[in-house]
N, C-alpha and C. Protein backbone atom coordinates (compact mmCIF):
# COMPACT_ATOMS: atom_id res chain seq x y z
N MET A 1 84.33 62.57 85.86
CA MET A 1 83.62 63.44 86.76
C MET A 1 84.59 64.27 87.61
N LYS A 2 85.69 63.62 88.03
CA LYS A 2 86.67 64.33 88.85
C LYS A 2 87.36 65.42 88.03
N ARG A 3 87.59 65.16 86.77
CA ARG A 3 88.21 66.15 85.90
C ARG A 3 87.28 67.35 85.72
N PHE A 4 85.98 67.08 85.59
CA PHE A 4 85.00 68.16 85.44
C PHE A 4 84.95 69.02 86.70
N ALA A 5 84.98 68.40 87.88
CA ALA A 5 84.96 69.14 89.14
C ALA A 5 86.20 70.02 89.27
N CYS A 6 87.35 69.51 88.90
CA CYS A 6 88.58 70.30 88.95
C CYS A 6 88.51 71.48 87.98
N LEU A 7 87.94 71.26 86.82
CA LEU A 7 87.80 72.33 85.84
C LEU A 7 86.87 73.42 86.36
N VAL A 8 85.76 73.03 86.97
CA VAL A 8 84.81 74.00 87.53
C VAL A 8 85.47 74.79 88.65
N LEU A 9 86.21 74.13 89.53
CA LEU A 9 86.89 74.83 90.62
C LEU A 9 87.95 75.79 90.09
N ALA A 10 88.69 75.38 89.08
CA ALA A 10 89.72 76.25 88.51
C ALA A 10 89.10 77.47 87.85
N LEU A 11 88.03 77.27 87.10
CA LEU A 11 87.37 78.40 86.46
C LEU A 11 86.76 79.35 87.49
N GLY A 12 86.21 78.79 88.55
CA GLY A 12 85.66 79.62 89.62
C GLY A 12 86.73 80.44 90.31
N ALA A 13 87.88 79.85 90.55
CA ALA A 13 88.99 80.58 91.18
C ALA A 13 89.49 81.70 90.27
N LEU A 14 89.57 81.44 88.99
CA LEU A 14 90.00 82.48 88.06
C LEU A 14 88.98 83.61 87.98
N ALA A 15 87.71 83.27 88.00
CA ALA A 15 86.67 84.29 87.93
C ALA A 15 86.69 85.18 89.17
N LEU A 16 86.87 84.58 90.34
CA LEU A 16 86.91 85.36 91.57
C LEU A 16 88.18 86.20 91.65
N ALA A 17 89.28 85.71 91.14
CA ALA A 17 90.53 86.47 91.19
C ALA A 17 90.49 87.68 90.27
N GLY A 18 89.69 87.63 89.24
CA GLY A 18 89.64 88.72 88.27
C GLY A 18 88.63 89.79 88.57
N CYS A 19 87.92 89.71 89.69
CA CYS A 19 86.85 90.69 89.93
C CYS A 19 87.24 91.70 91.01
N GLY A 20 88.51 91.90 91.26
CA GLY A 20 88.94 92.85 92.27
C GLY A 20 88.97 94.28 91.74
N MET A 21 88.94 95.26 92.66
CA MET A 21 89.01 96.66 92.29
C MET A 21 90.46 97.11 92.37
N ARG A 22 90.92 97.77 91.34
CA ARG A 22 92.30 98.23 91.31
C ARG A 22 92.41 99.67 91.79
N GLY A 23 93.57 100.02 92.28
CA GLY A 23 93.83 101.40 92.70
C GLY A 23 93.39 101.64 94.14
N ASP A 24 93.45 102.91 94.53
CA ASP A 24 93.07 103.29 95.89
C ASP A 24 91.56 103.22 96.04
N LEU A 25 91.14 102.82 97.23
CA LEU A 25 89.71 102.80 97.53
C LEU A 25 89.33 104.13 98.15
N ASP A 26 88.29 104.74 97.63
CA ASP A 26 87.82 106.02 98.16
C ASP A 26 86.81 105.76 99.27
N ARG A 27 86.88 106.60 100.28
CA ARG A 27 85.93 106.48 101.37
C ARG A 27 84.61 107.13 100.95
N PRO A 28 83.51 106.42 101.08
CA PRO A 28 82.24 106.99 100.65
C PRO A 28 81.78 108.09 101.59
N PRO A 29 80.93 108.98 101.12
CA PRO A 29 80.40 110.02 102.01
C PRO A 29 79.49 109.41 103.06
N PRO A 30 79.26 110.11 104.16
CA PRO A 30 78.40 109.56 105.21
C PRO A 30 76.97 109.39 104.70
N MET A 31 76.28 108.39 105.24
CA MET A 31 74.90 108.13 104.83
C MET A 31 73.95 109.19 105.35
N TRP A 32 74.25 109.78 106.50
CA TRP A 32 73.44 110.87 107.04
C TRP A 32 74.37 111.86 107.71
N GLY A 33 73.91 113.10 107.82
CA GLY A 33 74.73 114.15 108.40
C GLY A 33 75.66 114.77 107.38
N ASP A 34 76.36 115.79 107.80
CA ASP A 34 77.29 116.48 106.92
C ASP A 34 78.67 115.84 107.02
N PRO A 35 79.41 115.80 105.91
CA PRO A 35 80.78 115.28 105.99
C PRO A 35 81.65 116.23 106.80
N PRO A 36 82.71 115.71 107.44
CA PRO A 36 83.60 116.59 108.22
C PRO A 36 84.32 117.57 107.29
N PRO A 37 84.72 118.73 107.83
CA PRO A 37 85.48 119.69 107.01
C PRO A 37 86.77 119.07 106.49
N ALA A 38 87.28 119.58 105.39
CA ALA A 38 88.45 118.99 104.73
C ALA A 38 89.71 119.05 105.60
N ASP A 39 89.82 119.99 106.54
CA ASP A 39 91.04 120.12 107.33
C ASP A 39 90.92 119.48 108.71
N SER A 40 89.86 118.73 108.98
CA SER A 40 89.71 118.10 110.28
C SER A 40 90.50 116.79 110.34
N PRO A 41 90.86 116.32 111.53
CA PRO A 41 91.62 115.06 111.66
C PRO A 41 90.85 113.86 111.11
N GLU A 42 89.50 113.87 111.20
CA GLU A 42 88.72 112.74 110.71
C GLU A 42 88.85 112.59 109.19
N SER A 43 89.03 113.69 108.49
CA SER A 43 89.10 113.61 107.03
C SER A 43 90.47 113.19 106.53
N ARG A 44 91.50 113.26 107.42
CA ARG A 44 92.84 112.89 107.01
C ARG A 44 93.09 111.41 107.20
N GLY A 45 92.24 110.70 107.88
CA GLY A 45 92.42 109.27 108.08
C GLY A 45 93.09 108.97 109.40
N ALA A 46 93.36 107.71 109.61
CA ALA A 46 93.88 107.25 110.89
C ALA A 46 95.33 107.69 111.12
N SER A 47 96.10 107.84 110.04
CA SER A 47 97.51 108.18 110.21
C SER A 47 97.73 109.66 110.52
N GLY A 48 96.76 110.52 110.21
CA GLY A 48 96.91 111.94 110.49
C GLY A 48 97.80 112.66 109.54
N VAL A 49 98.11 112.06 108.41
CA VAL A 49 98.99 112.68 107.42
C VAL A 49 98.19 113.35 106.36
């Protein structure tokens, strides 16, 4: 029984580790209202670059 529990935990850990999103995450558009203009500070992010 202990071997079965370890197997289930290992398979669960592998399944969770493999479901991540790769690459850069895109910011979704706003749910309401218009998105800010492309040259505004809000559209450049927190770093301002």
